[in-house]
């Protein structure tokens, strides 16, 4: 049952990821352009160039906000990662402890076997 639910969740995550693949690319490009605008703004000394970089940065920022729903695609990619990671885990996580037996007869058998080696 666990694998079936993981499969259904993975199927839904793949559909959401593929539906948001284009906006995810545009979001990455616009964030990169916004970083470049910020770096150029910091490096310039003239006021006119700073105003130009601010105007260009605001235009790129509006593009970034228009593709903000692409975060759903990033969340779907993360969900796919978690599903892939949990696919081969055992269903019941019972930890078996190895108990050391204090019975003198079993300890004698172990010591006798060690002496015969």
C-alpha atoms as a PDB file:
ATOM      1  CA  UNK A   1       0.000   0.000   0.000  1.00  0.00           C
ATOM      2  CA  UNK A   2       2.894   2.340   0.783  1.00  0.00           C
ATOM      3  CA  UNK A   3       4.441   1.900  -2.679  1.00  0.00           C
ATOM      4  CA  UNK A   4       1.082   2.536  -4.347  1.00  0.00           C
ATOM      5  CA  UNK A   5       0.643   5.823  -2.472  1.00  0.00           C
ATOM      6  CA  UNK A   6       4.219   6.829  -3.304  1.00  0.00           C
ATOM      7  CA  UNK A   7       3.544   6.017  -6.961  1.00  0.00           C
ATOM      8  CA  UNK A   8       0.357   8.136  -7.025  1.00  0.00           C
ATOM      9  CA  UNK A   9       2.162  11.004  -5.258  1.00  0.00           C
ATOM     10  CA  UNK A  10       5.031  10.746  -7.724  1.00  0.00           C
ATOM     11  CA  UNK A  11       2.634  10.779 -10.658  1.00  0.00           C
ATOM     12  CA  UNK A  12       0.957  13.938  -9.373  1.00  0.00           C
ATOM     13  CA  UNK A  13       4.349  15.567  -8.694  1.00  0.00           C
ATOM     14  CA  UNK A  14       5.554  14.771 -12.223  1.00  0.00           C
ATOM     15  CA  UNK A  15       2.436  16.324 -13.751  1.00  0.00           C
ATOM     16  CA  UNK A  16       2.821  19.486 -11.636  1.00  0.00           C
ATOM     17  CA  UNK A  17       6.538  19.668 -12.462  1.00  0.00           C
ATOM     18  CA  UNK A  18       5.971  19.318 -16.199  1.00  0.00           C
ATOM     19  CA  UNK A  19       3.151  21.875 -16.129  1.00  0.00           C
ATOM     20  CA  UNK A  20       5.418  24.420 -14.429  1.00  0.00           C
ATOM     21  CA  UNK A  21       8.632  23.683 -16.315  1.00  0.00           C
ATOM     22  CA  UNK A  22       8.425  26.754 -18.584  1.00  0.00           C
ATOM     23  CA  UNK A  23       7.702  29.212 -15.767  1.00  0.00           C
ATOM     24  CA  UNK A  24      10.503  27.621 -13.730  1.00  0.00           C
ATOM     25  CA  UNK A  25      12.996  28.349 -16.509  1.00  0.00           C
ATOM     26  CA  UNK A  26      11.741  31.934 -16.829  1.00  0.00           C
ATOM     27  CA  UNK A  27      11.910  32.359 -13.048  1.00  0.00           C
ATOM     28  CA  UNK A  28      15.524  31.167 -13.002  1.00  0.00           C
ATOM     29  CA  UNK A  29      16.446  33.487 -15.879  1.00  0.00           C
ATOM     30  CA  UNK A  30      14.737  36.482 -14.313  1.00  0.00           C
ATOM     31  CA  UNK A  31      16.396  35.872 -10.938  1.00  0.00           C
ATOM     32  CA  UNK A  32      19.754  35.665 -12.712  1.00  0.00           C
ATOM     33  CA  UNK A  33      19.067  38.908 -14.597  1.00  0.00           C
ATOM     34  CA  UNK A  34      17.973  40.564 -11.368  1.00  0.00           C
ATOM     35  CA  UNK A  35      21.280  39.547  -9.773  1.00  0.00           C
ATOM     36  CA  UNK A  36      23.200  40.994 -12.721  1.00  0.00           C
ATOM     37  CA  UNK A  37      21.229  44.258 -12.495  1.00  0.00           C
ATOM     38  CA  UNK A  38      21.999  44.493  -8.788  1.00  0.00           C
ATOM     39  CA  UNK A  39      25.718  43.888  -9.308  1.00  0.00           C
ATOM     40  CA  UNK A  40      25.874  46.494 -12.113  1.00  0.00           C
ATOM     41  CA  UNK A  41      23.954  48.962  -9.915  1.00  0.00           C
ATOM     42  CA  UNK A  42      26.488  48.540  -7.114  1.00  0.00           C
ATOM     43  CA  UNK A  43      29.499  49.001  -9.444  1.00  0.00           C
ATOM     44  CA  UNK A  44      28.374  52.152 -11.274  1.00  0.00           C
ATOM     45  CA  UNK A  45      29.251  55.608 -10.057  1.00  0.00           C
ATOM     46  CA  UNK A  46      27.089  57.836 -12.247  1.00  0.00           C
ATOM     47  CA  UNK A  47      23.589  58.734 -11.155  1.00  0.00           C
ATOM     48  CA  UNK A  48      22.067  58.276 -14.626  1.00  0.00           C
ATOM     49  CA  UNK A  49      23.436  54.736 -14.879  1.00  0.00           C
ATOM     50  CA  UNK A  50      22.107  53.930 -11.405  1.00  0.00           C
ATOM     51  CA  UNK A  51      18.648  55.178 -12.385  1.00  0.00           C
ATOM     52  CA  UNK A  52      18.814  53.094 -15.563  1.00  0.00           C
ATOM     53  CA  UNK A  53      19.791  49.945 -13.640  1.00  0.00           C
ATOM     54  CA  UNK A  54      17.000  50.557 -11.115  1.00  0.00           C
ATOM     55  CA  UNK A  55      14.429  50.896 -13.918  1.00  0.00           C
ATOM     56  CA  UNK A  56      15.739  47.756 -15.625  1.00  0.00           C
ATOM     57  CA  UNK A  57      15.770  45.960 -12.252  1.00  0.00           C
ATOM     58  CA  UNK A  58      12.132  46.897 -11.639  1.00  0.00           C
ATOM     59  CA  UNK A  59      11.159  45.547 -15.062  1.00  0.00           C
ATOM     60  CA  UNK A  60      12.985  42.283 -14.363  1.00  0.00           C
ATOM     61  CA  UNK A  61      11.431  42.165 -10.872  1.00  0.00           C
ATOM     62  CA  UNK A  62       7.961  42.369 -12.428  1.00  0.00           C
ATOM     63  CA  UNK A  63       8.868  39.434 -14.674  1.00  0.00           C
ATOM     64  CA  UNK A  64      10.057  37.544 -11.592  1.00  0.00           C
ATOM     65  CA  UNK A  65       6.802  38.174  -9.736  1.00  0.00           C
ATOM     66  CA  UNK A  66       4.738  37.109 -12.726  1.00  0.00           C
ATOM     67  CA  UNK A  67       6.463  33.697 -12.650  1.00  0.00           C
ATOM     68  CA  UNK A  68       6.269  33.268  -8.899  1.00  0.00           C
ATOM     69  CA  UNK A  69       3.811  30.364  -9.170  1.00  0.00           C
ATOM     70  CA  UNK A  70       6.729  28.374 -10.596  1.00  0.00           C
ATOM     71  CA  UNK A  71       7.610  27.728  -6.949  1.00  0.00           C
ATOM     72  CA  UNK A  72       4.960  24.988  -7.166  1.00  0.00           C
ATOM     73  CA  UNK A  73       7.191  23.275  -9.723  1.00  0.00           C
ATOM     74  CA  UNK A  74      10.171  23.528  -7.386  1.00  0.00           C
ATOM     75  CA  UNK A  75       8.062  22.033  -4.585  1.00  0.00           C
ATOM     76  CA  UNK A  76       7.001  19.218  -6.936  1.00  0.00           C
ATOM     77  CA  UNK A  77      10.649  18.524  -7.783  1.00  0.00           C
ATOM     78  CA  UNK A  78      11.442  18.337  -4.071  1.00  0.00           C
ATOM     79  CA  UNK A  79       8.489  15.996  -3.535  1.00  0.00           C
ATOM     80  CA  UNK A  80       9.816  13.762  -6.323  1.00  0.00           C
ATOM     81  CA  UNK A  81      13.191  13.712  -4.594  1.00  0.00           C
ATOM     82  CA  UNK A  82      11.600  12.660  -1.305  1.00  0.00           C
ATOM     83  CA  UNK A  83       9.523   9.966  -3.028  1.00  0.00           C
ATOM     84  CA  UNK A  84      12.616   8.614  -4.784  1.00  0.00           C
ATOM     85  CA  UNK A  85      14.513   8.614  -1.502  1.00  0.00           C
ATOM     86  CA  UNK A  86      11.739   6.766   0.400  1.00  0.00           C
ATOM     87  CA  UNK A  87      10.923   4.239  -2.334  1.00  0.00           C
ATOM     88  CA  UNK A  88      13.134   1.400  -1.061  1.00  0.00           C
ATOM     89  CA  UNK A  89      12.731   1.859   2.683  1.00  0.00           C
ATOM     90  CA  UNK A  90      11.160  -1.095   4.488  1.00  0.00           C
ATOM     91  CA  UNK A  91       7.522  -0.730   5.460  1.00  0.00           C
ATOM     92  CA  UNK A  92       7.877  -1.802   9.068  1.00  0.00           C
ATOM     93  CA  UNK A  93      10.791  -0.263  10.856  1.00  0.00           C
ATOM     94  CA  UNK A  94      11.231  -2.869  13.577  1.00  0.00           C
ATOM     95  CA  UNK A  95      14.660  -2.786  15.094  1.00  0.00           C
ATOM     96  CA  UNK A  96      15.863  -6.184  16.179  1.00  0.00           C
ATOM     97  CA  UNK A  97      18.121  -6.080  19.167  1.00  0.00           C
ATOM     98  CA  UNK A  98      20.806  -8.632  19.733  1.00  0.00           C
ATOM     99  CA  UNK A  99      20.699  -9.579  23.376  1.00  0.00           C
ATOM    100  CA  UNK A 100      23.708 -10.966  25.123  1.00  0.00           C
ATOM    101  CA  UNK A 101      22.564 -14.041  26.946  1.00  0.00           C
ATOM    102  CA  UNK A 102      23.695 -14.324  30.561  1.00  0.00           C
ATOM    103  CA  UNK A 103      23.008 -18.048  30.719  1.00  0.00           C
ATOM    104  CA  UNK A 104      26.182 -19.730  32.021  1.00  0.00           C
ATOM    105  CA  UNK A 105      25.733 -22.770  29.795  1.00  0.00           C
ATOM    106  CA  UNK A 106      25.675 -20.751  26.551  1.00  0.00           C
ATOM    107  CA  UNK A 107      28.691 -18.760  27.730  1.00  0.00           C
ATOM    108  CA  UNK A 108      30.445 -22.069  28.450  1.00  0.00           C
ATOM    109  CA  UNK A 109      29.640 -23.274  24.929  1.00  0.00           C
ATOM    110  CA  UNK A 110      31.080 -20.081  23.430  1.00  0.00           C
ATOM    111  CA  UNK A 111      34.244 -20.316  25.500  1.00  0.00           C
ATOM    112  CA  UNK A 112      34.657 -24.012  24.701  1.00  0.00           C
ATOM    113  CA  UNK A 113      34.326 -23.247  20.986  1.00  0.00           C
ATOM    114  CA  UNK A 114      36.966 -20.515  21.303  1.00  0.00           C
ATOM    115  CA  UNK A 115      39.345 -22.856  23.102  1.00  0.00           C
ATOM    116  CA  UNK A 116      38.976 -25.544  20.413  1.00  0.00           C
ATOM    117  CA  UNK A 117      40.000 -23.174  17.631  1.00  0.00           C
END
